Every structure is written in structure tokens, then in C-alpha cells.
Amino acid sequence: MRRAVIDLTSTQPVWSAPPALTGQLRRAFGREWEVVEVAEATASDGDGGGGSAAGASAAVGAEVYFGWGVGPAVVAAAGPTLRWAHTAAAGVGASITDAFRATGAALTNSRGIHAAPMADWAVTAIGLCLRGFHQAVAAQRGRQWAKRRFTDGDVRVREFVDTRVGIVGLGGVGSEIARRCARLGMQVRGIRRRPERRRP
């Protein structure tokens, strides 16, 4: 039976794969595949931690591996049977090793999937600062009604349309932040490492 390993349980629960994913993958792979879900948590920061020890054990003889990076232990365990590895991280730098290249396996990543939620977070943070909400929350925690601080001008409240935003890095996340800020009427300027690429 062919084997696929799902090693996407993160030490940070918010980043773990949704519970329904394994069932969806089992249906997608079909009956000729054994889909193994690894319960042991692994690091999901940056390029990923390269998989858990349990993930490496499960990868023995696997053709497919989904994880937070593809570490040396996973590559060694899967060996020449590995055909496809997917990292849930956007970065792949830590996964592209000589040992991985020697397998001849395809490596895919999750570039772009984090753009929308990260842009939502960034635009929300901009709005909080522009409207002084952080000061309102601080007053509320102190059980103070701070209306006069806002109406008398002690707290500077600004509009999106009167705001200039500078974005350093116009990859997937930066471009999505730029688009959302522009839609709200902000003046947006950005720089990127390779200016010859198209405008976001």
C-alpha cells in the first residue's frame, strides 16, 4: 500500500491543520493509499521545524509527506520512495538540502495562503492606531470613560484617506496589504527586492 504522511500538528495550536484535513486527504488519495496523521507537535515557525520525530518514523517508505518543512530525519526515513513533499510554510530554504535534492522528489510550499489573514491583521492594526482604539481600550481597562480625550482632541484621530503607508517588501503579504490599504483610500508606496516584477 502506498503511504502519505500528514505531519501538520503544530506546537502552536492555531497553526495546526484543521481536523477535517486528514479525512479530505484520505478521500482524495483513495483506497490504495495509507494516509498517516502524526499527532506529535512540531515547530511551525519560519521555514518550519522539519517535522517531528514521530513524523520521521511515519515517513519510512512514504511517497508523500506534508509537514512544516522537510527535515533531514524525514528525508532519511523516506529515502528513495519520496516523490512529493509539501511544506505548509511559505519558505523552503531549510528544506532544500543536498539530501533532499538527491531524492528527486518534488517540493511544493504554501506561498500565498498567509497573505489574506496577515493583510487583515496589518490593516486592522493600522485602523486601531489611526482611530485611537488602543487608547480607548487602555482607558476601559482602567474603568475610565475617556470620551473627552477623544472629543477634545487629546487623542489624535485620523482618517484612512489622510494616511500614507510605506511597505517594505511587496511579495504575497506586502502586495495584499498594499491592495487593501489602497482600497481604503490610503496613499501607498512600496519597495521590493526585484523592481522589474509587475506592480501589485
N, C-alpha and C. Protein backbone atom coordinates (compact mmCIF):
# COMPACT_ATOMS: atom_id res chain seq x y z
N MET A 1 0.85 -1.18 0.00
CA MET A 1 0.00 0.00 0.00
C MET A 1 0.89 1.25 0.00
N ARG A 2 0.52 2.23 -0.80
CA ARG A 2 1.28 3.47 -0.87
C ARG A 2 1.00 4.30 0.38
N ARG A 3 1.97 5.17 0.75
CA ARG A 3 1.85 5.89 2.01
C ARG A 3 2.02 7.40 1.83
N ALA A 4 1.14 8.14 2.50
CA ALA A 4 1.24 9.60 2.60
C ALA A 4 1.21 9.96 4.08
N VAL A 5 2.09 10.87 4.48
CA VAL A 5 2.20 11.26 5.88
C VAL A 5 1.78 12.72 6.04
N ILE A 6 0.89 12.96 7.01
CA ILE A 6 0.42 14.32 7.33
C ILE A 6 1.01 14.68 8.69
N ASP A 7 2.05 15.50 8.69
CA ASP A 7 2.77 15.89 9.91
C ASP A 7 2.56 17.39 10.15
N LEU A 8 1.30 17.77 10.37
CA LEU A 8 0.94 19.18 10.46
C LEU A 8 0.34 19.57 11.80
N THR A 9 0.71 18.86 12.86
CA THR A 9 0.30 19.27 14.20
C THR A 9 1.38 20.20 14.73
N SER A 10 1.00 21.43 15.01
CA SER A 10 1.96 22.45 15.41
C SER A 10 2.04 22.60 16.92
N THR A 11 3.20 23.04 17.40
CA THR A 11 3.33 23.38 18.81
C THR A 11 2.50 24.62 19.13
N GLN A 12 2.09 25.35 18.11
CA GLN A 12 1.19 26.49 18.25
C GLN A 12 -0.16 26.07 17.66
N PRO A 13 -1.12 25.69 18.50
CA PRO A 13 -2.36 25.08 18.01
C PRO A 13 -3.06 25.84 16.88
N VAL A 14 -2.96 27.15 16.87
CA VAL A 14 -3.64 27.92 15.82
C VAL A 14 -3.11 27.56 14.43
N TRP A 15 -1.88 27.06 14.34
CA TRP A 15 -1.28 26.72 13.05
C TRP A 15 -1.48 25.25 12.67
N SER A 16 -2.03 24.45 13.56
CA SER A 16 -2.24 23.04 13.22
C SER A 16 -3.26 22.91 12.10
N ALA A 17 -3.11 21.85 11.33
CA ALA A 17 -4.07 21.59 10.26
C ALA A 17 -5.45 21.35 10.86
N PRO A 18 -6.50 21.78 10.18
CA PRO A 18 -7.85 21.54 10.70
C PRO A 18 -8.13 20.04 10.79
N PRO A 19 -8.91 19.63 11.78
CA PRO A 19 -9.17 18.20 11.97
C PRO A 19 -9.74 17.50 10.73
N ALA A 20 -10.49 18.19 9.92
CA ALA A 20 -11.12 17.57 8.75
C ALA A 20 -10.13 17.29 7.62
N LEU A 21 -8.93 17.88 7.67
CA LEU A 21 -7.99 17.76 6.55
C LEU A 21 -7.61 16.31 6.26
N THR A 22 -7.31 15.53 7.29
CA THR A 22 -6.88 14.16 7.05
C THR A 22 -7.96 13.35 6.35
N GLY A 23 -9.20 13.52 6.76
CA GLY A 23 -10.30 12.83 6.10
C GLY A 23 -10.43 13.24 4.64
N GLN A 24 -10.28 14.53 4.37
CA GLN A 24 -10.35 15.01 3.00
C GLN A 24 -9.21 14.42 2.16
N LEU A 25 -8.02 14.36 2.74
CA LEU A 25 -6.89 13.79 2.01
C LEU A 25 -7.06 12.29 1.79
N ARG A 26 -7.61 11.59 2.77
CA ARG A 26 -7.86 10.15 2.59
C ARG A 26 -8.79 9.92 1.41
N ARG A 27 -9.85 10.72 1.33
CA ARG A 27 -10.78 10.58 0.21
C ARG A 27 -10.10 10.93 -1.11
N ALA A 28 -9.28 11.98 -1.10
CA ALA A 28 -8.61 12.41 -2.33
C ALA A 28 -7.58 11.39 -2.81
N PHE A 29 -6.84 10.80 -1.88
CA PHE A 29 -5.82 9.82 -2.27
C PHE A 29 -6.46 8.50 -2.72
N GLY A 30 -7.54 8.11 -2.10
CA GLY A 30 -8.21 6.87 -2.48
C GLY A 30 -7.78 5.69 -1.63
N ARG A 31 -8.40 4.55 -1.90
CA ARG A 31 -8.22 3.35 -1.08
C ARG A 31 -6.84 2.71 -1.18
N GLU A 32 -6.13 2.97 -2.27
CA GLU A 32 -4.81 2.34 -2.42
C GLU A 32 -3.72 3.05 -1.61
N TRP A 33 -4.11 4.12 -0.90
CA TRP A 33 -3.16 4.88 -0.10
C TRP A 33 -3.45 4.72 1.39
N GLU A 34 -2.39 4.58 2.16
CA GLU A 34 -2.48 4.68 3.61
C GLU A 34 -2.09 6.12 3.96
N VAL A 35 -3.02 6.86 4.55
CA VAL A 35 -2.75 8.25 4.94
C VAL A 35 -2.56 8.26 6.45
N VAL A 36 -1.33 8.58 6.88
CA VAL A 36 -0.96 8.54 8.29
C VAL A 36 -0.94 9.96 8.84
N GLU A 37 -1.72 10.20 9.88
CA GLU A 37 -1.72 11.50 10.54
C GLU A 37 -0.84 11.42 11.78
N VAL A 38 0.12 12.33 11.89
CA VAL A 38 1.04 12.35 13.02
C VAL A 38 0.48 13.30 14.07
N ALA A 39 0.33 12.80 15.30
CA ALA A 39 -0.24 13.62 16.37
C ALA A 39 0.81 14.44 17.12
N GLU A 40 2.06 14.01 17.08
CA GLU A 40 3.12 14.73 17.81
C GLU A 40 3.33 16.12 17.22
N ALA A 41 3.35 17.12 18.07
CA ALA A 41 3.50 18.51 17.61
C ALA A 41 4.94 18.79 17.20
N THR A 42 5.06 19.68 16.21
CA THR A 42 6.36 20.10 15.72
C THR A 42 6.37 21.61 15.53
N ALA A 43 7.55 22.20 15.43
CA ALA A 43 7.68 23.65 15.25
C ALA A 43 7.16 24.05 13.88
N SER A 44 6.44 25.17 13.84
CA SER A 44 5.90 25.65 12.57
C SER A 44 6.36 27.06 12.25
N ASP A 45 7.33 27.58 13.00
CA ASP A 45 7.84 28.93 12.77
C ASP A 45 8.77 28.97 11.56
N GLY A 46 8.83 30.14 10.93
CA GLY A 46 9.77 30.34 9.82
C GLY A 46 9.55 29.33 8.72
N ASP A 47 10.62 28.65 8.33
CA ASP A 47 10.53 27.62 7.29
C ASP A 47 10.02 26.30 7.85
N GLY A 48 9.66 26.29 9.12
CA GLY A 48 9.20 25.06 9.75
C GLY A 48 10.34 24.35 10.44
N GLY A 49 9.98 23.45 11.31
CA GLY A 49 10.99 22.74 12.09
C GLY A 49 11.50 21.49 11.43
N GLY A 50 10.96 21.14 10.29
CA GLY A 50 11.45 19.97 9.59
C GLY A 50 10.78 18.68 10.00
N GLY A 51 9.71 18.77 10.77
CA GLY A 51 8.96 17.57 11.13
C GLY A 51 9.29 17.07 12.51
N SER A 52 8.38 16.28 13.03
CA SER A 52 8.54 15.70 14.36
C SER A 52 9.27 14.36 14.26
N ALA A 53 9.72 13.86 15.40
CA ALA A 53 10.36 12.53 15.42
C ALA A 53 9.37 11.47 14.99
N ALA A 54 8.12 11.61 15.44
CA ALA A 54 7.08 10.65 15.04
C ALA A 54 6.81 10.76 13.54
N GLY A 55 6.92 11.98 13.00
CA GLY A 55 6.73 12.17 11.56
C GLY A 55 7.81 11.48 10.76
N ALA A 56 9.05 11.55 11.26
CA ALA A 56 10.15 10.86 10.59
C ALA A 56 9.93 9.35 10.62
N SER A 57 9.48 8.83 11.76
CA SER A 57 9.20 7.39 11.85
C SER A 57 8.10 6.98 10.88
N ALA A 58 7.06 7.82 10.79
CA ALA A 58 5.94 7.52 9.89
C ALA A 58 6.35 7.63 8.43
N ALA A 59 7.40 8.42 8.15
CA ALA A 59 7.81 8.66 6.76
C ALA A 59 8.56 7.50 6.13
N VAL A 60 8.89 6.47 6.91
CA VAL A 60 9.60 5.33 6.34
C VAL A 60 8.77 4.73 5.20
N GLY A 61 9.33 4.76 4.01
CA GLY A 61 8.65 4.21 2.84
C GLY A 61 7.56 5.10 2.26
N ALA A 62 7.42 6.33 2.76
CA ALA A 62 6.36 7.22 2.27
C ALA A 62 6.72 7.81 0.91
N GLU A 63 5.71 7.95 0.07
CA GLU A 63 5.87 8.63 -1.21
C GLU A 63 5.54 10.11 -1.10
N VAL A 64 4.66 10.44 -0.14
CA VAL A 64 4.18 11.81 0.03
C VAL A 64 4.33 12.21 1.49
N TYR A 65 4.81 13.43 1.69
CA TYR A 65 4.97 13.96 3.05
C TYR A 65 4.49 15.40 3.08
N PHE A 66 3.55 15.71 3.99
CA PHE A 66 3.10 17.08 4.25
C PHE A 66 3.56 17.45 5.64
N GLY A 67 4.30 18.55 5.77
CA GLY A 67 4.78 18.96 7.09
C GLY A 67 5.13 20.43 7.13
N TRP A 68 5.70 20.83 8.25
CA TRP A 68 6.22 22.20 8.42
C TRP A 68 7.69 22.15 8.07
N GLY A 69 8.00 22.10 6.81
CA GLY A 69 9.37 21.90 6.37
C GLY A 69 9.64 20.42 6.22
N VAL A 70 10.72 20.10 5.54
CA VAL A 70 11.09 18.70 5.31
C VAL A 70 12.50 18.53 5.84
N GLY A 71 12.60 18.08 7.08
CA GLY A 71 13.89 17.99 7.75
C GLY A 71 14.69 16.77 7.34
N PRO A 72 15.97 16.75 7.74
CA PRO A 72 16.87 15.65 7.38
C PRO A 72 16.38 14.28 7.84
N ALA A 73 15.75 14.21 9.03
CA ALA A 73 15.28 12.92 9.53
C ALA A 73 14.16 12.37 8.66
N VAL A 74 13.29 13.26 8.18
CA VAL A 74 12.20 12.84 7.29
C VAL A 74 12.77 12.35 5.96
N VAL A 75 13.72 13.11 5.41
CA VAL A 75 14.34 12.74 4.13
C VAL A 75 15.04 11.39 4.26
N ALA A 76 15.78 11.21 5.34
CA ALA A 76 16.50 9.94 5.55
C ALA A 76 15.52 8.78 5.71
N ALA A 77 14.42 9.01 6.42
CA ALA A 77 13.45 7.94 6.65
C ALA A 77 12.72 7.55 5.37
N ALA A 78 12.29 8.54 4.61
CA ALA A 78 11.55 8.26 3.38
C ALA A 78 12.48 7.71 2.30
N GLY A 79 13.68 8.26 2.25
CA GLY A 79 14.67 7.79 1.28
C GLY A 79 14.19 7.89 -0.15
N PRO A 80 14.54 6.92 -0.96
CA PRO A 80 14.25 6.99 -2.39
C PRO A 80 12.77 6.84 -2.75
N THR A 81 11.93 6.46 -1.78
CA THR A 81 10.50 6.32 -2.09
C THR A 81 9.79 7.67 -2.15
N LEU A 82 10.38 8.71 -1.55
CA LEU A 82 9.74 10.02 -1.50
C LEU A 82 9.61 10.60 -2.91
N ARG A 83 8.37 10.96 -3.29
CA ARG A 83 8.10 11.53 -4.60
C ARG A 83 7.66 12.99 -4.51
N TRP A 84 6.98 13.34 -3.40
CA TRP A 84 6.45 14.69 -3.26
C TRP A 84 6.45 15.07 -1.79
N ALA A 85 7.00 16.23 -1.49
CA ALA A 85 6.96 16.79 -0.14
C ALA A 85 6.34 18.17 -0.24
N HIS A 86 5.44 18.45 0.68
CA HIS A 86 4.81 19.77 0.71
C HIS A 86 5.02 20.37 2.09
N THR A 87 5.49 21.63 2.12
CA THR A 87 5.62 22.32 3.39
C THR A 87 4.50 23.35 3.52
N ALA A 88 3.88 23.37 4.69
CA ALA A 88 2.81 24.32 4.94
C ALA A 88 3.35 25.73 5.15
N ALA A 89 4.66 25.85 5.27
CA ALA A 89 5.29 27.17 5.39
C ALA A 89 5.45 27.78 4.00
N ALA A 90 5.62 29.09 3.96
CA ALA A 90 5.87 29.74 2.68
C ALA A 90 7.32 29.56 2.26
N GLY A 91 8.23 29.60 3.22
CA GLY A 91 9.65 29.46 2.92
C GLY A 91 10.06 28.01 2.76
N VAL A 92 11.06 27.80 1.91
CA VAL A 92 11.54 26.43 1.67
C VAL A 92 13.05 26.30 1.90
N GLY A 93 13.70 27.39 2.27
CA GLY A 93 15.16 27.39 2.38
C GLY A 93 15.73 26.27 3.22
N ALA A 94 15.12 26.01 4.37
CA ALA A 94 15.64 24.97 5.26
C ALA A 94 15.39 23.57 4.72
N SER A 95 14.44 23.42 3.81
CA SER A 95 14.10 22.10 3.28
C SER A 95 14.95 21.69 2.09
N ILE A 96 15.50 22.65 1.37
CA ILE A 96 16.26 22.33 0.16
C ILE A 96 17.71 22.02 0.56
N THR A 97 17.94 20.76 0.79
CA THR A 97 19.28 20.30 1.18
C THR A 97 19.79 19.36 0.09
N ASP A 98 21.06 19.04 0.14
CA ASP A 98 21.62 18.08 -0.83
C ASP A 98 20.92 16.74 -0.72
N ALA A 99 20.63 16.32 0.53
CA ALA A 99 19.95 15.03 0.73
C ALA A 99 18.56 15.05 0.11
N PHE A 100 17.84 16.17 0.26
CA PHE A 100 16.51 16.25 -0.35
C PHE A 100 16.63 16.23 -1.88
N ARG A 101 17.55 17.00 -2.41
CA ARG A 101 17.74 17.02 -3.87
C ARG A 101 18.02 15.62 -4.41
N ALA A 102 18.78 14.85 -3.67
CA ALA A 102 19.16 13.50 -4.11
C ALA A 102 17.95 12.58 -4.24
N THR A 103 16.85 12.88 -3.53
CA THR A 103 15.66 12.02 -3.64
C THR A 103 14.97 12.20 -4.98
N GLY A 104 15.16 13.37 -5.61
CA GLY A 104 14.46 13.65 -6.86
C GLY A 104 13.00 14.01 -6.66
N ALA A 105 12.58 14.15 -5.40
CA ALA A 105 11.18 14.45 -5.10
C ALA A 105 10.84 15.90 -5.43
N ALA A 106 9.58 16.12 -5.73
CA ALA A 106 9.09 17.49 -5.93
C ALA A 106 8.85 18.12 -4.57
N LEU A 107 9.13 19.41 -4.47
CA LEU A 107 8.88 20.16 -3.23
C LEU A 107 7.95 21.31 -3.56
N THR A 108 6.82 21.36 -2.86
CA THR A 108 5.88 22.47 -3.02
C THR A 108 5.73 23.16 -1.67
N ASN A 109 5.24 24.40 -1.72
CA ASN A 109 5.06 25.14 -0.47
C ASN A 109 3.70 25.83 -0.46
N SER A 110 3.45 26.55 0.60
CA SER A 110 2.16 27.21 0.78
C SER A 110 2.26 28.71 0.57
N ARG A 111 3.14 29.12 -0.32
CA ARG A 111 3.31 30.53 -0.63
C ARG A 111 1.96 31.14 -1.00
N GLY A 112 1.65 32.25 -0.38
CA GLY A 112 0.44 32.98 -0.72
C GLY A 112 -0.75 32.74 0.19
N ILE A 113 -0.81 31.59 0.86
CA ILE A 113 -2.01 31.33 1.66
C ILE A 113 -2.08 32.19 2.91
N HIS A 114 -0.95 32.73 3.33
CA HIS A 114 -0.94 33.55 4.53
C HIS A 114 -1.20 35.03 4.22
N ALA A 115 -1.24 35.40 2.95
CA ALA A 115 -1.34 36.81 2.57
C ALA A 115 -2.62 37.46 3.08
N ALA A 116 -3.77 36.86 2.85
CA ALA A 116 -5.04 37.49 3.24
C ALA A 116 -5.16 37.66 4.75
N PRO A 117 -4.93 36.61 5.57
CA PRO A 117 -5.08 36.83 7.01
C PRO A 117 -4.04 37.79 7.58
N MET A 118 -2.83 37.77 7.04
CA MET A 118 -1.81 38.70 7.54
C MET A 118 -2.13 40.14 7.12
N ALA A 119 -2.67 40.31 5.92
CA ALA A 119 -3.07 41.65 5.48
C ALA A 119 -4.24 42.15 6.32
N ASP A 120 -5.19 41.27 6.65
CA ASP A 120 -6.29 41.66 7.54
C ASP A 120 -5.75 42.17 8.87
N TRP A 121 -4.78 41.43 9.41
CA TRP A 121 -4.20 41.82 10.69
C TRP A 121 -3.52 43.18 10.58
N ALA A 122 -2.73 43.38 9.53
CA ALA A 122 -1.98 44.63 9.37
C ALA A 122 -2.93 45.82 9.21
N VAL A 123 -3.97 45.68 8.39
CA VAL A 123 -4.90 46.78 8.17
C VAL A 123 -5.70 47.06 9.45
N THR A 124 -6.04 46.02 10.18
CA THR A 124 -6.73 46.22 11.46
C THR A 124 -5.84 46.99 12.43
N ALA A 125 -4.55 46.64 12.48
CA ALA A 125 -3.62 47.34 13.37
C ALA A 125 -3.48 48.81 12.96
N ILE A 126 -3.45 49.08 11.66
CA ILE A 126 -3.38 50.47 11.19
C ILE A 126 -4.62 51.22 11.65
N GLY A 127 -5.79 50.60 11.48
CA GLY A 127 -7.04 51.22 11.90
C GLY A 127 -7.09 51.49 13.40
N LEU A 128 -6.60 50.55 14.18
CA LEU A 128 -6.58 50.74 15.63
C LEU A 128 -5.76 51.97 16.01
N CYS A 129 -4.61 52.11 15.37
CA CYS A 129 -3.75 53.26 15.67
C CYS A 129 -4.34 54.57 15.17
N LEU A 130 -4.88 54.55 13.94
CA LEU A 130 -5.43 55.78 13.37
C LEU A 130 -6.61 56.32 14.18
N ARG A 131 -7.43 55.43 14.67
CA ARG A 131 -8.65 55.84 15.36
C ARG A 131 -8.46 55.94 16.88
N GLY A 132 -7.27 55.61 17.37
CA GLY A 132 -7.00 55.73 18.80
C GLY A 132 -7.64 54.65 19.65
N PHE A 133 -8.04 53.54 19.03
CA PHE A 133 -8.71 52.48 19.79
C PHE A 133 -7.82 51.90 20.89
N HIS A 134 -6.53 51.87 20.66
CA HIS A 134 -5.64 51.33 21.69
C HIS A 134 -5.73 52.17 22.96
N GLN A 135 -5.95 53.47 22.81
CA GLN A 135 -6.09 54.32 23.99
C GLN A 135 -7.46 54.15 24.64
N ALA A 136 -8.47 53.91 23.82
CA ALA A 136 -9.81 53.66 24.36
C ALA A 136 -9.82 52.36 25.17
N VAL A 137 -9.15 51.34 24.66
CA VAL A 137 -9.09 50.06 25.36
C VAL A 137 -8.33 50.21 26.67
N ALA A 138 -7.23 50.98 26.65
CA ALA A 138 -6.46 51.20 27.88
C ALA A 138 -7.32 51.91 28.93
N ALA A 139 -8.10 52.91 28.50
CA ALA A 139 -8.99 53.62 29.43
C ALA A 139 -10.06 52.67 29.96
N GLN A 140 -10.59 51.83 29.09
CA GLN A 140 -11.61 50.88 29.51
C GLN A 140 -11.06 49.91 30.55
N ARG A 141 -9.85 49.44 30.34
CA ARG A 141 -9.23 48.54 31.32
C ARG A 141 -9.08 49.23 32.68
N GLY A 142 -8.84 50.54 32.64
CA GLY A 142 -8.72 51.32 33.87
C GLY A 142 -10.07 51.78 34.40
N ARG A 143 -11.14 51.28 33.79
CA ARG A 143 -12.52 51.62 34.17
C ARG A 143 -12.78 53.12 34.10
N GLN A 144 -12.27 53.72 33.02
CA GLN A 144 -12.45 55.16 32.80
C GLN A 144 -13.28 55.38 31.53
N TRP A 145 -14.17 56.35 31.60
CA TRP A 145 -14.91 56.78 30.42
C TRP A 145 -14.11 57.93 29.83
N ALA A 146 -13.43 57.70 28.70
CA ALA A 146 -12.46 58.66 28.16
C ALA A 146 -13.01 59.45 26.98
N LYS A 147 -14.30 59.67 26.94
CA LYS A 147 -14.91 60.36 25.80
C LYS A 147 -14.25 61.71 25.54
N ARG A 148 -14.00 62.49 26.57
CA ARG A 148 -13.47 63.84 26.39
C ARG A 148 -12.07 63.82 25.77
N ARG A 149 -11.29 62.79 26.06
CA ARG A 149 -9.95 62.70 25.46
C ARG A 149 -10.05 62.63 23.94
N PHE A 150 -11.13 62.03 23.45
CA PHE A 150 -11.32 61.92 22.01
C PHE A 150 -12.00 63.16 21.44
N THR A 151 -13.01 63.67 22.12
CA THR A 151 -13.74 64.82 21.58
C THR A 151 -12.97 66.13 21.73
N ASP A 152 -12.10 66.23 22.72
CA ASP A 152 -11.32 67.46 22.92
C ASP A 152 -10.01 67.47 22.13
N GLY A 153 -9.70 66.38 21.46
CA GLY A 153 -8.51 66.34 20.61
C GLY A 153 -7.25 65.86 21.30
N ASP A 154 -7.35 65.40 22.56
CA ASP A 154 -6.15 64.86 23.22
C ASP A 154 -5.64 63.62 22.49
N VAL A 155 -6.59 62.84 21.99
CA VAL A 155 -6.24 61.66 21.21
C VAL A 155 -6.40 62.04 19.74
N ARG A 156 -5.33 61.92 19.00
CA ARG A 156 -5.38 62.27 17.58
C ARG A 156 -6.09 61.15 16.82
N VAL A 157 -7.20 61.48 16.20
CA VAL A 157 -7.97 60.52 15.41
C VAL A 157 -7.80 60.91 13.95
N ARG A 158 -7.33 59.96 13.15
CA ARG A 158 -7.07 60.24 11.74
C ARG A 158 -7.92 59.34 10.85
N GLU A 159 -8.04 59.76 9.60
CA GLU A 159 -8.82 59.02 8.60
C GLU A 159 -7.89 58.18 7.73
N PHE A 160 -8.42 57.09 7.21
CA PHE A 160 -7.64 56.28 6.27
C PHE A 160 -7.19 57.10 5.07
N VAL A 161 -8.08 57.94 4.54
CA VAL A 161 -7.76 58.70 3.32
C VAL A 161 -6.69 59.76 3.54
N ASP A 162 -6.39 60.08 4.79
CA ASP A 162 -5.34 61.06 5.09
C ASP A 162 -4.03 60.38 5.49
N THR A 163 -3.91 59.10 5.19
CA THR A 163 -2.77 58.31 5.67
C THR A 163 -1.89 57.85 4.53
N ARG A 164 -0.58 57.94 4.75
CA ARG A 164 0.40 57.38 3.83
C ARG A 164 1.00 56.14 4.46
N VAL A 165 1.11 55.09 3.67
CA VAL A 165 1.65 53.82 4.15
C VAL A 165 2.85 53.44 3.30
N GLY A 166 3.94 53.07 3.96
CA GLY A 166 5.12 52.56 3.27
C GLY A 166 5.27 51.08 3.55
N ILE A 167 5.44 50.30 2.51
CA ILE A 167 5.56 48.85 2.67
C ILE A 167 6.91 48.41 2.13
N VAL A 168 7.67 47.75 2.98
CA VAL A 168 8.98 47.23 2.59
C VAL A 168 8.79 45.75 2.30
N GLY A 169 8.89 45.40 1.03
CA GLY A 169 8.70 44.01 0.61
C GLY A 169 7.32 43.83 0.01
N LEU A 170 7.26 43.64 -1.30
CA LEU A 170 5.98 43.50 -1.98
C LEU A 170 5.81 42.09 -2.54
N GLY A 171 6.07 41.12 -1.67
CA GLY A 171 5.77 39.74 -2.03
C GLY A 171 4.28 39.51 -1.85
N GLY A 172 3.88 38.30 -1.57
CA GLY A 172 2.47 37.98 -1.42
C GLY A 172 1.80 38.77 -0.32
N VAL A 173 2.41 38.82 0.86
CA VAL A 173 1.81 39.51 2.00
C VAL A 173 1.84 41.02 1.79
N GLY A 174 3.01 41.57 1.45
CA GLY A 174 3.12 43.02 1.25
C GLY A 174 2.20 43.53 0.16
N SER A 175 2.08 42.78 -0.93
CA SER A 175 1.19 43.19 -2.02
C SER A 175 -0.26 43.20 -1.59
N GLU A 176 -0.64 42.21 -0.79
CA GLU A 176 -2.04 42.16 -0.31
C GLU A 176 -2.32 43.30 0.66
N ILE A 177 -1.36 43.63 1.51
CA ILE A 177 -1.53 44.79 2.40
C ILE A 177 -1.67 46.05 1.57
N ALA A 178 -0.83 46.21 0.54
CA ALA A 178 -0.89 47.39 -0.32
C ALA A 178 -2.25 47.51 -0.98
N ARG A 179 -2.78 46.41 -1.51
CA ARG A 179 -4.10 46.44 -2.18
C ARG A 179 -5.19 46.87 -1.20
N ARG A 180 -5.17 46.29 -0.01
CA ARG A 180 -6.23 46.61 0.96
C ARG A 180 -6.13 48.05 1.44
N CYS A 181 -4.92 48.52 1.67
CA CYS A 181 -4.75 49.92 2.09
C CYS A 181 -5.23 50.87 1.00
N ALA A 182 -4.88 50.56 -0.25
CA ALA A 182 -5.30 51.42 -1.37
C ALA A 182 -6.82 51.45 -1.49
N ARG A 183 -7.47 50.30 -1.30
CA ARG A 183 -8.94 50.25 -1.38
C ARG A 183 -9.59 51.12 -0.31
N LEU A 184 -8.90 51.32 0.81
CA LEU A 184 -9.43 52.16 1.88
C LEU A 184 -9.06 53.63 1.69
N GLY A 185 -8.41 53.94 0.57
CA GLY A 185 -8.10 55.32 0.25
C GLY A 185 -6.75 55.81 0.74
N MET A 186 -5.93 54.93 1.29
CA MET A 186 -4.61 55.35 1.76
C MET A 186 -3.67 55.53 0.58
N GLN A 187 -2.71 56.43 0.73
CA GLN A 187 -1.65 56.58 -0.26
C GLN A 187 -0.60 55.52 0.05
N VAL A 188 -0.30 54.67 -0.90
CA VAL A 188 0.58 53.53 -0.66
C VAL A 188 1.83 53.64 -1.52
N ARG A 189 2.97 53.44 -0.89
CA ARG A 189 4.25 53.34 -1.58
C ARG A 189 4.94 52.09 -1.06
N GLY A 190 5.61 51.41 -1.96
CA GLY A 190 6.31 50.21 -1.53
C GLY A 190 7.60 50.02 -2.28
N ILE A 191 8.47 49.23 -1.69
CA ILE A 191 9.71 48.86 -2.36
C ILE A 191 9.83 47.35 -2.34
N ARG A 192 10.50 46.84 -3.35
CA ARG A 192 10.70 45.39 -3.42
C ARG A 192 12.12 45.10 -3.86
N ARG A 193 12.54 43.90 -3.58
CA ARG A 193 13.90 43.49 -3.92
C ARG A 193 14.12 43.47 -5.42
N ARG A 194 13.11 43.04 -6.18
CA ARG A 194 13.23 42.97 -7.63
C ARG A 194 12.19 43.89 -8.27
N PRO A 195 12.56 45.15 -8.52
CA PRO A 195 11.59 46.12 -9.04
C PRO A 195 11.06 45.79 -10.44
N GLU A 196 11.72 44.90 -11.16
CA GLU A 196 11.26 44.58 -12.51
C GLU A 196 9.96 43.77 -12.50
N ARG A 197 9.59 43.22 -11.35
CA ARG A 197 8.33 42.48 -11.27
C ARG A 197 7.16 43.44 -11.38
N ARG A 198 6.04 42.90 -11.80
CA ARG A 198 4.86 43.74 -12.02
C ARG A 198 4.38 44.40 -10.73
N ARG A 199 3.64 45.46 -10.92
CA ARG A 199 3.08 46.20 -9.80
C ARG A 199 2.00 45.36 -9.12
N PRO A 200 1.92 45.39 -7.78
CA PRO A 200 0.89 44.59 -7.10
C PRO A 200 -0.51 45.09 -7.38
